[in-house]
Structure formats: C-alpha cells, structure tokens
Amino acid sequence: MIKTVRTVVLLLLLGQLWVMAQQPPAKATDVETPRKAPVQIGETAPDFTLNDEEGRKVQLAAARGKMPVVLVFYRGWW
C-alpha cells in the first residue's frame, strides 16, 4: 500500500515537472534599466517594487508621502 502511494505521488510530481517544462519562460516585465550613477545622499530614491515577507508586491511610490520610509543598503554578502 505505501509503495503504491509513493509511486502515485512520484508520478504526479513528474507530471507536474513535465507540465512546467512545457510552459514558455516568463517575461521580465518588472525589470528596469540600471542607473548609470548610484543614488546620492539626499537624492529622492527612484520608484521600485519589491516583495514583502509575505510575497505581496510593495511599491515605494505607494508609501511616499504617507509614512516615513528608510532605505538601507548593505554591502557584501551575509
């Protein structure tokens, strides 16, 4: 019985992987052209969109003027 369940689960996973492999790759629509110069101290940050810890999209322009926003840039690897 357990072997049968494992086999069915494995076949379902393989089927899902096959379906995913058949789909065309997603187009990068949110990618912006990189800036030629870094943001300077005191300069208004350009608008951008990121995912929060729950996967929802958050846009800087939506928060600007409504609440304080602090951007921190960390250099290097964690």
Protein backbone atom coordinates (compact mmCIF):
# COMPACT_ATOMS: atom_id res chain seq x y z
CA MET A 1 0.00 0.00 0.00
CA ILE A 2 2.74 2.51 0.94
CA LYS A 3 4.69 1.60 -2.21
CA THR A 4 1.61 2.34 -4.30
CA VAL A 5 1.11 5.73 -2.63
CA ARG A 6 4.78 6.61 -3.16
CA THR A 7 4.55 5.60 -6.81
CA VAL A 8 1.42 7.70 -7.36
CA VAL A 9 2.98 10.73 -5.66
CA LEU A 10 6.16 10.33 -7.70
CA LEU A 11 4.17 10.11 -10.94
CA LEU A 12 2.16 13.20 -10.01
CA LEU A 13 5.35 15.15 -9.27
CA LEU A 14 6.95 14.04 -12.52
CA GLY A 15 3.80 15.03 -14.41
CA GLN A 16 3.83 18.47 -12.80
CA LEU A 17 7.50 18.95 -13.67
CA TRP A 18 6.77 17.95 -17.27
CA VAL A 19 3.91 20.47 -17.48
CA MET A 20 6.11 23.21 -16.03
CA ALA A 21 8.87 22.40 -18.53
CA GLN A 22 6.42 22.83 -21.43
CA GLN A 23 5.45 26.39 -20.44
CA PRO A 24 7.39 29.25 -22.01
CA PRO A 25 9.61 31.21 -19.65
CA ALA A 26 8.02 34.23 -18.01
CA LYS A 27 8.90 37.62 -19.44
CA ALA A 28 10.69 40.03 -17.13
CA THR A 29 8.23 42.92 -17.07
CA ASP A 30 9.31 44.50 -13.78
CA VAL A 31 12.95 44.85 -14.75
CA GLU A 32 14.09 48.43 -15.08
CA THR A 33 17.17 49.65 -16.86
CA PRO A 34 20.06 50.06 -14.42
CA ARG A 35 21.08 53.55 -13.39
CA LYS A 36 24.32 54.96 -14.72
CA ALA A 37 25.17 56.55 -11.34
CA PRO A 38 24.29 55.48 -7.79
CA VAL A 39 21.72 57.36 -5.72
CA GLN A 40 23.39 60.28 -3.98
CA ILE A 41 22.88 61.33 -0.35
CA GLY A 42 19.73 63.45 -0.11
CA GLU A 43 18.52 62.48 -3.59
CA THR A 44 14.95 61.23 -3.95
CA ALA A 45 15.01 57.46 -4.46
CA PRO A 46 13.69 56.21 -7.80
CA ASP A 47 10.45 54.24 -7.63
CA PHE A 48 10.77 50.46 -7.34
CA THR A 49 8.66 47.44 -6.47
CA LEU A 50 9.72 44.60 -4.16
CA ASN A 51 8.04 41.64 -2.50
CA ASP A 52 7.49 41.83 1.25
CA GLU A 53 7.97 38.92 3.66
CA GLU A 54 4.53 37.56 2.72
CA GLY A 55 5.14 37.74 -1.04
CA ARG A 56 2.95 40.80 -1.66
CA LYS A 57 4.26 43.47 -4.01
CA VAL A 58 5.13 46.75 -2.30
CA GLN A 59 5.85 49.89 -4.32
CA LEU A 60 7.86 52.80 -2.97
CA ALA A 61 5.55 55.33 -4.63
CA ALA A 62 2.59 53.95 -2.64
CA ALA A 63 4.34 54.74 0.68
CA ARG A 64 5.95 58.04 -0.33
CA GLY A 65 4.30 60.95 1.48
CA LYS A 66 2.07 58.68 3.59
CA MET A 67 4.59 57.23 6.03
CA PRO A 68 8.30 57.51 6.79
CA VAL A 69 10.45 55.34 4.53
CA VAL A 70 14.05 54.49 5.32
CA LEU A 71 16.18 52.77 2.69
CA VAL A 72 19.27 50.95 3.89
CA PHE A 73 21.82 49.47 1.54
CA TYR A 74 24.07 46.71 2.84
CA ARG A 75 27.30 45.93 1.03
CA GLY A 76 28.77 42.49 0.79
CA TRP A 77 27.45 39.03 1.48
CA TRP A 78 25.63 37.72 4.53
